[in-house]
C-alpha cells in the first residue's frame, strides 16, 4: 500500500531520490508503523520531534505501534526554535 511521507526543514535531506516539495509517495507493508518508517529512512531520533498522521499528532510513545493505512500522510518536523 502507498502512503505519503513528508519531511520538513533539515529532515528533508533524508527523503529518497524522486522526492519533490518535501514529499514522496512510498510503498509500505500493512504491518509497518510510524516508528518503522522513521527507522527505515534513518531519521535521527533527536531530530524527530513533531509527528503527524493525517494532521493528528502522534505521541512519541505511540510511534512504535501506530500503524498506517493506504493513503495516509505522515509528516515529520525537527525541533524548531526561533523568535
Protein backbone atom coordinates (compact mmCIF):
# COMPACT_ATOMS: atom_id res chain seq x y z
CA UNK A 1 0.00 0.00 0.00
CA UNK A 2 1.08 3.58 -0.53
CA UNK A 3 1.41 6.47 1.92
CA UNK A 4 2.81 9.96 1.55
CA UNK A 5 5.92 10.80 3.56
CA UNK A 6 6.61 14.48 4.18
CA UNK A 7 9.82 15.62 5.87
CA UNK A 8 10.39 19.24 6.76
CA UNK A 9 13.36 21.55 7.39
CA UNK A 10 16.64 19.65 7.89
CA UNK A 11 14.85 16.29 7.75
CA UNK A 12 14.16 16.82 4.04
CA UNK A 13 17.77 15.72 3.45
CA UNK A 14 16.62 12.19 4.37
CA UNK A 15 13.98 11.93 1.64
CA UNK A 16 14.71 9.31 -1.03
CA UNK A 17 15.52 10.26 -4.59
CA UNK A 18 12.50 11.31 -6.54
CA UNK A 19 11.02 13.42 -3.76
CA UNK A 20 9.84 16.91 -4.54
CA UNK A 21 8.31 19.65 -2.42
CA UNK A 22 9.43 17.81 0.76
CA UNK A 23 7.24 14.79 -0.01
CA UNK A 24 7.25 11.41 -1.67
CA UNK A 25 4.79 8.57 -2.03
CA UNK A 26 6.26 5.37 -0.61
CA UNK A 27 5.12 1.77 -0.60
CA UNK A 28 4.87 0.13 2.81
CA UNK A 29 3.76 -3.22 4.21
CA UNK A 30 0.44 -3.42 6.05
CA UNK A 31 2.15 -4.08 9.38
CA UNK A 32 4.53 -1.09 9.23
CA UNK A 33 4.32 1.55 11.91
CA UNK A 34 5.31 5.19 12.13
CA UNK A 35 8.38 4.03 14.06
CA UNK A 36 9.42 1.51 11.43
CA UNK A 37 9.21 4.15 8.70
CA UNK A 38 11.30 6.53 10.79
CA UNK A 39 13.88 3.76 11.22
CA UNK A 40 13.79 2.72 7.56
CA UNK A 41 14.65 6.27 6.47
CA UNK A 42 17.40 6.56 9.11
CA UNK A 43 15.89 9.65 10.70
CA UNK A 44 17.90 10.61 13.79
CA UNK A 45 15.73 10.23 16.89
CA UNK A 46 16.84 13.59 18.26
CA UNK A 47 15.57 15.28 15.07
CA UNK A 48 12.16 13.58 15.02
CA UNK A 49 10.07 15.99 17.06
CA UNK A 50 6.61 16.68 15.67
CA UNK A 51 4.95 13.68 14.00
CA UNK A 52 1.52 13.90 12.40
CA UNK A 53 -0.59 11.31 10.61
CA UNK A 54 -3.28 12.99 8.53
CA UNK A 55 -2.84 16.11 10.64
CA UNK A 56 -3.22 14.32 14.01
CA UNK A 57 -0.31 14.38 16.46
CA UNK A 58 1.31 11.03 17.28
CA UNK A 59 2.81 10.91 20.77
CA UNK A 60 6.41 9.59 20.97
CA UNK A 61 5.32 6.53 22.98
CA UNK A 62 2.72 5.63 20.30
CA UNK A 63 5.02 5.78 17.29
CA UNK A 64 6.25 2.20 17.61
CA UNK A 65 2.70 0.83 17.46
CA UNK A 66 0.82 3.38 15.32
CA UNK A 67 0.09 1.66 12.02
CA UNK A 68 -0.65 3.45 8.79
CA UNK A 69 -3.42 2.88 6.26
CA UNK A 70 -3.33 3.27 2.50
CA UNK A 71 -3.37 6.92 1.51
CA UNK A 72 -2.23 8.23 4.91
CA UNK A 73 0.04 11.27 5.08
CA UNK A 74 2.93 11.01 7.54
CA UNK A 75 4.55 14.39 8.23
CA UNK A 76 7.62 14.86 10.43
CA UNK A 77 9.32 18.04 11.66
CA UNK A 78 12.54 18.51 13.63
CA UNK A 79 12.61 20.73 16.71
CA UNK A 80 12.40 24.35 15.64
CA UNK A 81 13.49 27.34 17.67
CA UNK A 82 13.32 30.97 16.92
CA UNK A 83 11.67 34.13 17.80
